[in-house]
């Protein structure tokens, strides 16, 4: 495993950790208040069959706070610059929650850097584009999670710092529904069966709008399907990546 390394571009810095080798190459993009550490279980399932690149976005995990909170678009530009400079080959970009918004923008703004997208529990459902509605859905979803998942999430939220409110507003300001039709990259929309943050109606709207998208559901899981018992999600992601390679 290579040590985590920072990458700076346009005044913002991310931290990237790389494990495994070869193809496919997976890029893990975390959600609001999180960091790369929450994907430890998913990484352990994916790194035997390829390279996994997990990042702390600016102001999360070990990455320093930028001078200004980044928009979703600017975050995608940072990842695009990182992939061009440090990776050099298209990746399967896996975005969870807010990370799905960033993955979408990466596909729209830097299509040459991605071979496929996986949108896990994608946000923001336009019918709940307010902080109270998003928080209410999230609190109801995590209420049934294991203490381990709740503790890990709480730790990462604390590390996200006092500007978490501004970061939340940046997430809500982004309109993924305006980006969907511009992304021609093959896409897997992945949802936990009991996910209250990303309801089925919103996921099926994504499918209907994107040129090349398919859907899969993880039974018995909620919004944190990539964090708690990640094996079922990893199986679906690996099958999707294998299909991309066959069709390349």
C-alpha atoms as a PDB file:
ATOM      1  CA  UNK A   1       0.000   0.000   0.000  1.00  0.00           C
ATOM      2  CA  UNK A   2       1.430   3.383  -1.003  1.00  0.00           C
ATOM      3  CA  UNK A   3       1.340   6.130   1.650  1.00  0.00           C
ATOM      4  CA  UNK A   4      -1.381   8.758   1.341  1.00  0.00           C
ATOM      5  CA  UNK A   5      -0.210  11.737  -0.696  1.00  0.00           C
ATOM      6  CA  UNK A   6      -1.602  15.256  -1.061  1.00  0.00           C
ATOM      7  CA  UNK A   7      -2.416  16.799  -4.427  1.00  0.00           C
ATOM      8  CA  UNK A   8      -3.000  20.536  -4.855  1.00  0.00           C
ATOM      9  CA  UNK A   9      -4.737  22.337  -7.694  1.00  0.00           C
ATOM     10  CA  UNK A  10      -6.222  25.842  -7.980  1.00  0.00           C
ATOM     11  CA  UNK A  11      -5.874  26.560  -4.282  1.00  0.00           C
ATOM     12  CA  UNK A  12      -7.379  23.319  -2.937  1.00  0.00           C
ATOM     13  CA  UNK A  13      -5.754  20.097  -1.734  1.00  0.00           C
ATOM     14  CA  UNK A  14      -7.002  16.518  -1.596  1.00  0.00           C
ATOM     15  CA  UNK A  15      -5.300  13.508  -0.033  1.00  0.00           C
ATOM     16  CA  UNK A  16      -5.207  10.239  -1.993  1.00  0.00           C
ATOM     17  CA  UNK A  17      -4.393   6.719  -0.830  1.00  0.00           C
ATOM     18  CA  UNK A  18      -3.788   3.969  -3.402  1.00  0.00           C
ATOM     19  CA  UNK A  19      -4.061   0.216  -2.836  1.00  0.00           C
ATOM     20  CA  UNK A  20      -3.815  -2.737  -5.186  1.00  0.00           C
ATOM     21  CA  UNK A  21      -2.657  -2.549  -8.788  1.00  0.00           C
ATOM     22  CA  UNK A  22      -3.748  -3.042 -12.376  1.00  0.00           C
ATOM     23  CA  UNK A  23      -7.183  -2.703 -13.888  1.00  0.00           C
ATOM     24  CA  UNK A  24      -9.855  -1.746 -13.255  1.00  0.00           C
ATOM     25  CA  UNK A  25      -8.905   1.389 -11.380  1.00  0.00           C
ATOM     26  CA  UNK A  26     -11.519   2.557  -8.902  1.00  0.00           C
ATOM     27  CA  UNK A  27     -11.812   6.081  -7.533  1.00  0.00           C
ATOM     28  CA  UNK A  28     -13.799   6.351  -4.275  1.00  0.00           C
ATOM     29  CA  UNK A  29     -15.487   9.713  -3.636  1.00  0.00           C
ATOM     30  CA  UNK A  30     -17.026  10.138  -0.195  1.00  0.00           C
ATOM     31  CA  UNK A  31     -20.128  12.043   0.839  1.00  0.00           C
ATOM     32  CA  UNK A  32     -20.787  15.102   2.998  1.00  0.00           C
ATOM     33  CA  UNK A  33     -19.031  15.027   6.358  1.00  0.00           C
ATOM     34  CA  UNK A  34     -17.149  11.826   5.534  1.00  0.00           C
ATOM     35  CA  UNK A  35     -13.620  10.870   4.448  1.00  0.00           C
ATOM     36  CA  UNK A  36     -11.805   8.000   2.812  1.00  0.00           C
ATOM     37  CA  UNK A  37     -11.578   5.996   6.041  1.00  0.00           C
ATOM     38  CA  UNK A  38     -15.283   5.098   5.924  1.00  0.00           C
ATOM     39  CA  UNK A  39     -14.618   2.981   2.825  1.00  0.00           C
ATOM     40  CA  UNK A  40     -12.158   0.602   4.507  1.00  0.00           C
ATOM     41  CA  UNK A  41     -14.465  -2.402   4.108  1.00  0.00           C
ATOM     42  CA  UNK A  42     -15.212  -1.631   0.452  1.00  0.00           C
ATOM     43  CA  UNK A  43     -11.508  -1.169  -0.309  1.00  0.00           C
ATOM     44  CA  UNK A  44     -10.728  -4.569   1.212  1.00  0.00           C
ATOM     45  CA  UNK A  45     -13.147  -6.195  -1.257  1.00  0.00           C
ATOM     46  CA  UNK A  46     -12.011  -4.289  -4.350  1.00  0.00           C
ATOM     47  CA  UNK A  47      -8.230  -4.061  -4.059  1.00  0.00           C
ATOM     48  CA  UNK A  48      -7.593  -7.735  -4.830  1.00  0.00           C
ATOM     49  CA  UNK A  49      -8.977  -7.268  -8.334  1.00  0.00           C
ATOM     50  CA  UNK A  50      -7.547  -3.902  -9.327  1.00  0.00           C
ATOM     51  CA  UNK A  51      -6.305  -0.580  -7.992  1.00  0.00           C
ATOM     52  CA  UNK A  52      -8.383   1.424  -5.524  1.00  0.00           C
ATOM     53  CA  UNK A  53      -7.808   5.150  -5.086  1.00  0.00           C
ATOM     54  CA  UNK A  54      -9.599   6.605  -2.054  1.00  0.00           C
ATOM     55  CA  UNK A  55      -9.534  10.357  -1.469  1.00  0.00           C
ATOM     56  CA  UNK A  56     -10.158  12.842   1.291  1.00  0.00           C
ATOM     57  CA  UNK A  57     -11.736  15.837  -0.407  1.00  0.00           C
ATOM     58  CA  UNK A  58     -10.650  19.361   0.664  1.00  0.00           C
ATOM     59  CA  UNK A  59     -11.710  20.047   4.233  1.00  0.00           C
ATOM     60  CA  UNK A  60     -12.480  16.397   5.034  1.00  0.00           C
ATOM     61  CA  UNK A  61     -10.450  13.641   6.664  1.00  0.00           C
ATOM     62  CA  UNK A  62      -6.750  14.513   6.458  1.00  0.00           C
ATOM     63  CA  UNK A  63      -7.130  17.119   3.689  1.00  0.00           C
ATOM     64  CA  UNK A  64      -6.699  20.757   4.744  1.00  0.00           C
ATOM     65  CA  UNK A  65      -9.512  23.272   4.585  1.00  0.00           C
ATOM     66  CA  UNK A  66      -9.425  25.355   1.422  1.00  0.00           C
ATOM     67  CA  UNK A  67      -9.607  29.140   1.699  1.00  0.00           C
ATOM     68  CA  UNK A  68     -13.196  28.925   0.431  1.00  0.00           C
ATOM     69  CA  UNK A  69     -15.630  26.023   0.511  1.00  0.00           C
ATOM     70  CA  UNK A  70     -15.550  24.377  -2.900  1.00  0.00           C
ATOM     71  CA  UNK A  71     -18.576  24.016  -5.118  1.00  0.00           C
ATOM     72  CA  UNK A  72     -19.397  20.568  -6.468  1.00  0.00           C
ATOM     73  CA  UNK A  73     -18.114  21.708  -9.861  1.00  0.00           C
ATOM     74  CA  UNK A  74     -14.777  22.915  -8.489  1.00  0.00           C
ATOM     75  CA  UNK A  75     -14.341  19.689  -6.567  1.00  0.00           C
ATOM     76  CA  UNK A  76     -14.867  17.740  -9.808  1.00  0.00           C
ATOM     77  CA  UNK A  77     -12.249  19.926 -11.508  1.00  0.00           C
ATOM     78  CA  UNK A  78      -9.787  19.139  -8.711  1.00  0.00           C
ATOM     79  CA  UNK A  79     -10.388  15.414  -9.182  1.00  0.00           C
ATOM     80  CA  UNK A  80     -10.065  15.777 -12.950  1.00  0.00           C
ATOM     81  CA  UNK A  81      -6.688  17.471 -12.526  1.00  0.00           C
ATOM     82  CA  UNK A  82      -5.582  14.766 -10.059  1.00  0.00           C
ATOM     83  CA  UNK A  83      -6.575  11.935 -12.395  1.00  0.00           C
ATOM     84  CA  UNK A  84      -4.777  13.569 -15.319  1.00  0.00           C
ATOM     85  CA  UNK A  85      -1.590  14.287 -13.372  1.00  0.00           C
ATOM     86  CA  UNK A  86      -1.317  11.272 -11.069  1.00  0.00           C
ATOM     87  CA  UNK A  87      -3.290   8.412 -12.658  1.00  0.00           C
ATOM     88  CA  UNK A  88      -3.236   8.898 -16.413  1.00  0.00           C
ATOM     89  CA  UNK A  89      -5.816   6.195 -17.194  1.00  0.00           C
ATOM     90  CA  UNK A  90      -9.625   6.294 -17.027  1.00  0.00           C
ATOM     91  CA  UNK A  91     -11.129   5.141 -13.732  1.00  0.00           C
ATOM     92  CA  UNK A  92     -14.427   3.775 -12.530  1.00  0.00           C
ATOM     93  CA  UNK A  93     -15.513   6.704 -10.358  1.00  0.00           C
ATOM     94  CA  UNK A  94     -17.638   5.571  -7.408  1.00  0.00           C
ATOM     95  CA  UNK A  95     -19.434   8.394  -5.643  1.00  0.00           C
ATOM     96  CA  UNK A  96     -21.468   7.931  -2.479  1.00  0.00           C
ATOM     97  CA  UNK A  97     -24.213  10.431  -1.588  1.00  0.00           C
ATOM     98  CA  UNK A  98     -22.716  13.894  -2.250  1.00  0.00           C
ATOM     99  CA  UNK A  99     -19.851  12.032  -3.898  1.00  0.00           C
ATOM    100  CA  UNK A 100     -22.321  10.917  -6.581  1.00  0.00           C
ATOM    101  CA  UNK A 101     -22.896  14.588  -7.455  1.00  0.00           C
ATOM    102  CA  UNK A 102     -19.140  15.062  -7.801  1.00  0.00           C
ATOM    103  CA  UNK A 103     -18.845  11.911  -9.916  1.00  0.00           C
ATOM    104  CA  UNK A 104     -21.589  13.221 -12.214  1.00  0.00           C
ATOM    105  CA  UNK A 105     -19.756  16.511 -12.688  1.00  0.00           C
ATOM    106  CA  UNK A 106     -16.516  14.626 -13.283  1.00  0.00           C
ATOM    107  CA  UNK A 107     -18.247  12.681 -16.064  1.00  0.00           C
ATOM    108  CA  UNK A 108     -19.690  15.852 -17.577  1.00  0.00           C
ATOM    109  CA  UNK A 109     -16.655  18.123 -17.260  1.00  0.00           C
ATOM    110  CA  UNK A 110     -13.775  15.632 -17.641  1.00  0.00           C
ATOM    111  CA  UNK A 111     -15.172  12.654 -19.578  1.00  0.00           C
ATOM    112  CA  UNK A 112     -11.741  11.427 -20.658  1.00  0.00           C
ATOM    113  CA  UNK A 113     -10.820  10.623 -17.054  1.00  0.00           C
ATOM    114  CA  UNK A 114     -13.647   8.142 -16.428  1.00  0.00           C
ATOM    115  CA  UNK A 115     -14.517   4.787 -17.966  1.00  0.00           C
ATOM    116  CA  UNK A 116     -17.662   4.391 -15.876  1.00  0.00           C
ATOM    117  CA  UNK A 117     -19.592   5.955 -13.017  1.00  0.00           C
ATOM    118  CA  UNK A 118     -21.186   4.306  -9.997  1.00  0.00           C
ATOM    119  CA  UNK A 119     -23.682   6.547  -8.200  1.00  0.00           C
ATOM    120  CA  UNK A 120     -24.354   5.073  -4.760  1.00  0.00           C
ATOM    121  CA  UNK A 121     -27.282   6.583  -2.863  1.00  0.00           C
ATOM    122  CA  UNK A 122     -27.187   9.646  -5.143  1.00  0.00           C
ATOM    123  CA  UNK A 123     -28.207  13.057  -3.857  1.00  0.00           C
ATOM    124  CA  UNK A 124     -29.792  15.586  -3.968  1.00  0.00           C
ATOM    125  CA  UNK A 125     -33.357  14.469  -4.660  1.00  0.00           C
ATOM    126  CA  UNK A 126     -34.909  17.717  -5.997  1.00  0.00           C
ATOM    127  CA  UNK A 127     -37.996  17.129  -3.856  1.00  0.00           C
ATOM    128  CA  UNK A 128     -35.869  17.437  -0.713  1.00  0.00           C
ATOM    129  CA  UNK A 129     -33.473  20.258  -1.607  1.00  0.00           C
ATOM    130  CA  UNK A 130     -33.543  21.901   1.802  1.00  0.00           C
ATOM    131  CA  UNK A 131     -31.320  21.312   4.820  1.00  0.00           C
ATOM    132  CA  UNK A 132     -34.178  20.267   7.153  1.00  0.00           C
ATOM    133  CA  UNK A 133     -35.528  17.691   4.678  1.00  0.00           C
ATOM    134  CA  UNK A 134     -32.114  16.238   3.929  1.00  0.00           C
ATOM    135  CA  UNK A 135     -31.200  16.030   7.606  1.00  0.00           C
ATOM    136  CA  UNK A 136     -34.535  14.460   8.522  1.00  0.00           C
ATOM    137  CA  UNK A 137     -34.098  11.767   5.865  1.00  0.00           C
ATOM    138  CA  UNK A 138     -30.514  11.102   6.943  1.00  0.00           C
ATOM    139  CA  UNK A 139     -31.377  10.879  10.646  1.00  0.00           C
ATOM    140  CA  UNK A 140     -34.216   8.443   9.961  1.00  0.00           C
ATOM    141  CA  UNK A 141     -31.914   6.341   7.773  1.00  0.00           C
ATOM    142  CA  UNK A 142     -29.020   6.082  10.242  1.00  0.00           C
ATOM    143  CA  UNK A 143     -31.327   5.431  13.205  1.00  0.00           C
ATOM    144  CA  UNK A 144     -31.315   1.736  12.267  1.00  0.00           C
ATOM    145  CA  UNK A 145     -27.584   1.515  11.536  1.00  0.00           C
ATOM    146  CA  UNK A 146     -25.101  -0.316  13.724  1.00  0.00           C
ATOM    147  CA  UNK A 147     -23.301   1.606  16.505  1.00  0.00           C
ATOM    148  CA  UNK A 148     -20.045   1.059  14.607  1.00  0.00           C
ATOM    149  CA  UNK A 149     -21.328   2.869  11.506  1.00  0.00           C
ATOM    150  CA  UNK A 150     -22.813   5.692  13.579  1.00  0.00           C
ATOM    151  CA  UNK A 151     -19.584   6.131  15.563  1.00  0.00           C
ATOM    152  CA  UNK A 152     -17.429   6.187  12.433  1.00  0.00           C
ATOM    153  CA  UNK A 153     -19.730   8.712  10.754  1.00  0.00           C
ATOM    154  CA  UNK A 154     -19.797  10.940  13.846  1.00  0.00           C
ATOM    155  CA  UNK A 155     -15.988  10.903  13.987  1.00  0.00           C
ATOM    156  CA  UNK A 156     -15.728  12.018  10.366  1.00  0.00           C
ATOM    157  CA  UNK A 157     -18.334  14.759  10.800  1.00  0.00           C
ATOM    158  CA  UNK A 158     -16.293  16.170  13.682  1.00  0.00           C
ATOM    159  CA  UNK A 159     -13.171  16.119  11.499  1.00  0.00           C
ATOM    160  CA  UNK A 160     -15.057  18.036   8.790  1.00  0.00           C
ATOM    161  CA  UNK A 161     -14.801  21.095  11.015  1.00  0.00           C
ATOM    162  CA  UNK A 162     -16.876  24.156  11.811  1.00  0.00           C
ATOM    163  CA  UNK A 163     -17.564  24.939   8.131  1.00  0.00           C
ATOM    164  CA  UNK A 164     -19.718  21.846   7.665  1.00  0.00           C
ATOM    165  CA  UNK A 165     -22.795  24.063   7.331  1.00  0.00           C
ATOM    166  CA  UNK A 166     -21.303  25.899   4.356  1.00  0.00           C
ATOM    167  CA  UNK A 167     -20.289  22.582   2.808  1.00  0.00           C
ATOM    168  CA  UNK A 168     -23.864  21.365   3.230  1.00  0.00           C
ATOM    169  CA  UNK A 169     -25.161  24.462   1.456  1.00  0.00           C
ATOM    170  CA  UNK A 170     -22.717  23.899  -1.412  1.00  0.00           C
ATOM    171  CA  UNK A 171     -24.105  20.381  -1.779  1.00  0.00           C
ATOM    172  CA  UNK A 172     -27.706  21.626  -1.789  1.00  0.00           C
ATOM    173  CA  UNK A 173     -26.938  24.387  -4.305  1.00  0.00           C
ATOM    174  CA  UNK A 174     -25.859  21.854  -6.899  1.00  0.00           C
ATOM    175  CA  UNK A 175     -28.566  20.622  -9.292  1.00  0.00           C
ATOM    176  CA  UNK A 176     -27.666  17.101 -10.481  1.00  0.00           C
ATOM    177  CA  UNK A 177     -30.866  16.890 -12.537  1.00  0.00           C
ATOM    178  CA  UNK A 178     -29.375  19.548 -14.846  1.00  0.00           C
ATOM    179  CA  UNK A 179     -26.214  17.469 -15.395  1.00  0.00           C
ATOM    180  CA  UNK A 180     -27.616  13.981 -16.036  1.00  0.00           C
ATOM    181  CA  UNK A 181     -28.303  14.321 -19.766  1.00  0.00           C
ATOM    182  CA  UNK A 182     -24.762  15.626 -20.394  1.00  0.00           C
ATOM    183  CA  UNK A 183     -23.083  12.460 -19.100  1.00  0.00           C
ATOM    184  CA  UNK A 184     -22.665   9.768 -21.735  1.00  0.00           C
ATOM    185  CA  UNK A 185     -20.386   7.583 -19.598  1.00  0.00           C
ATOM    186  CA  UNK A 186     -21.843   4.156 -18.717  1.00  0.00           C
ATOM    187  CA  UNK A 187     -23.350   4.491 -15.265  1.00  0.00           C
ATOM    188  CA  UNK A 188     -24.549   2.181 -12.504  1.00  0.00           C
ATOM    189  CA  UNK A 189     -27.092   3.661 -10.079  1.00  0.00           C
ATOM    190  CA  UNK A 190     -26.733   1.679  -6.864  1.00  0.00           C
ATOM    191  CA  UNK A 191     -29.185   2.020  -3.998  1.00  0.00           C
ATOM    192  CA  UNK A 192     -29.695   0.313  -0.656  1.00  0.00           C
ATOM    193  CA  UNK A 193     -33.155  -1.233  -0.443  1.00  0.00           C
ATOM    194  CA  UNK A 194     -34.072   0.878   2.600  1.00  0.00           C
ATOM    195  CA  UNK A 195     -32.288   4.100   1.609  1.00  0.00           C
ATOM    196  CA  UNK A 196     -34.450   7.039   2.733  1.00  0.00           C
ATOM    197  CA  UNK A 197     -32.042   9.714   1.497  1.00  0.00           C
ATOM    198  CA  UNK A 198     -32.101   8.482  -2.101  1.00  0.00           C
ATOM    199  CA  UNK A 199     -35.646   7.188  -2.770  1.00  0.00           C
ATOM    200  CA  UNK A 200     -36.542   4.912  -5.711  1.00  0.00           C
ATOM    201  CA  UNK A 201     -38.415   7.665  -7.566  1.00  0.00           C
ATOM    202  CA  UNK A 202     -35.323   9.842  -7.706  1.00  0.00           C
ATOM    203  CA  UNK A 203     -33.089   6.955  -8.801  1.00  0.00           C
ATOM    204  CA  UNK A 204     -35.486   6.053 -11.617  1.00  0.00           C
ATOM    205  CA  UNK A 205     -35.567   9.678 -12.759  1.00  0.00           C
ATOM    206  CA  UNK A 206     -31.784   9.482 -13.033  1.00  0.00           C
ATOM    207  CA  UNK A 207     -32.083   6.316 -15.115  1.00  0.00           C
ATOM    208  CA  UNK A 208     -34.653   7.885 -17.426  1.00  0.00           C
ATOM    209  CA  UNK A 209     -32.515  10.983 -18.012  1.00  0.00           C
ATOM    210  CA  UNK A 210     -29.027   9.567 -18.484  1.00  0.00           C
ATOM    211  CA  UNK A 211     -28.128   8.157 -21.925  1.00  0.00           C
ATOM    212  CA  UNK A 212     -26.460   4.969 -20.620  1.00  0.00           C
ATOM    213  CA  UNK A 213     -27.497   4.008 -17.080  1.00  0.00           C
ATOM    214  CA  UNK A 214     -28.619   0.870 -15.288  1.00  0.00           C
ATOM    215  CA  UNK A 215     -29.924   0.159 -11.787  1.00  0.00           C
ATOM    216  CA  UNK A 216     -29.109  -2.239  -8.968  1.00  0.00           C
ATOM    217  CA  UNK A 217     -30.347  -2.503  -5.411  1.00  0.00           C
ATOM    218  CA  UNK A 218     -28.631  -3.934  -2.322  1.00  0.00           C
ATOM    219  CA  UNK A 219     -31.140  -5.836  -0.167  1.00  0.00           C
ATOM    220  CA  UNK A 220     -31.295  -5.062   3.532  1.00  0.00           C
ATOM    221  CA  UNK A 221     -29.159  -1.913   3.349  1.00  0.00           C
ATOM    222  CA  UNK A 222     -29.837   1.791   3.703  1.00  0.00           C
ATOM    223  CA  UNK A 223     -27.924   4.896   2.663  1.00  0.00           C
ATOM    224  CA  UNK A 224     -24.624   3.607   4.057  1.00  0.00           C
ATOM    225  CA  UNK A 225     -24.560   0.561   1.798  1.00  0.00           C
ATOM    226  CA  UNK A 226     -20.874   1.093   0.873  1.00  0.00           C
ATOM    227  CA  UNK A 227     -19.834   1.476   4.506  1.00  0.00           C
ATOM    228  CA  UNK A 228     -21.612  -1.302   6.430  1.00  0.00           C
ATOM    229  CA  UNK A 229     -21.017  -4.813   5.091  1.00  0.00           C
ATOM    230  CA  UNK A 230     -19.772  -3.576   1.741  1.00  0.00           C
ATOM    231  CA  UNK A 231     -19.450  -7.044   0.148  1.00  0.00           C
ATOM    232  CA  UNK A 232     -22.820  -6.991  -1.723  1.00  0.00           C
ATOM    233  CA  UNK A 233     -22.119  -3.528  -3.131  1.00  0.00           C
ATOM    234  CA  UNK A 234     -18.582  -4.574  -4.077  1.00  0.00           C
ATOM    235  CA  UNK A 235     -19.911  -7.583  -6.012  1.00  0.00           C
ATOM    236  CA  UNK A 236     -22.237  -5.356  -8.042  1.00  0.00           C
ATOM    237  CA  UNK A 237     -19.502  -2.800  -8.679  1.00  0.00           C
ATOM    238  CA  UNK A 238     -17.039  -5.471  -9.830  1.00  0.00           C
ATOM    239  CA  UNK A 239     -19.626  -6.979 -12.188  1.00  0.00           C
ATOM    240  CA  UNK A 240     -20.297  -3.519 -13.660  1.00  0.00           C
ATOM    241  CA  UNK A 241     -16.550  -2.871 -14.119  1.00  0.00           C
ATOM    242  CA  UNK A 242     -16.105  -6.270 -15.784  1.00  0.00           C
ATOM    243  CA  UNK A 243     -18.852  -5.377 -18.254  1.00  0.00           C
ATOM    244  CA  UNK A 244     -17.089  -2.121 -19.092  1.00  0.00           C
ATOM    245  CA  UNK A 245     -13.901  -4.017 -19.901  1.00  0.00           C
ATOM    246  CA  UNK A 246     -15.734  -6.540 -22.088  1.00  0.00           C
ATOM    247  CA  UNK A 247     -17.373  -3.728 -24.047  1.00  0.00           C
ATOM    248  CA  UNK A 248     -14.257  -1.574 -24.352  1.00  0.00           C
END
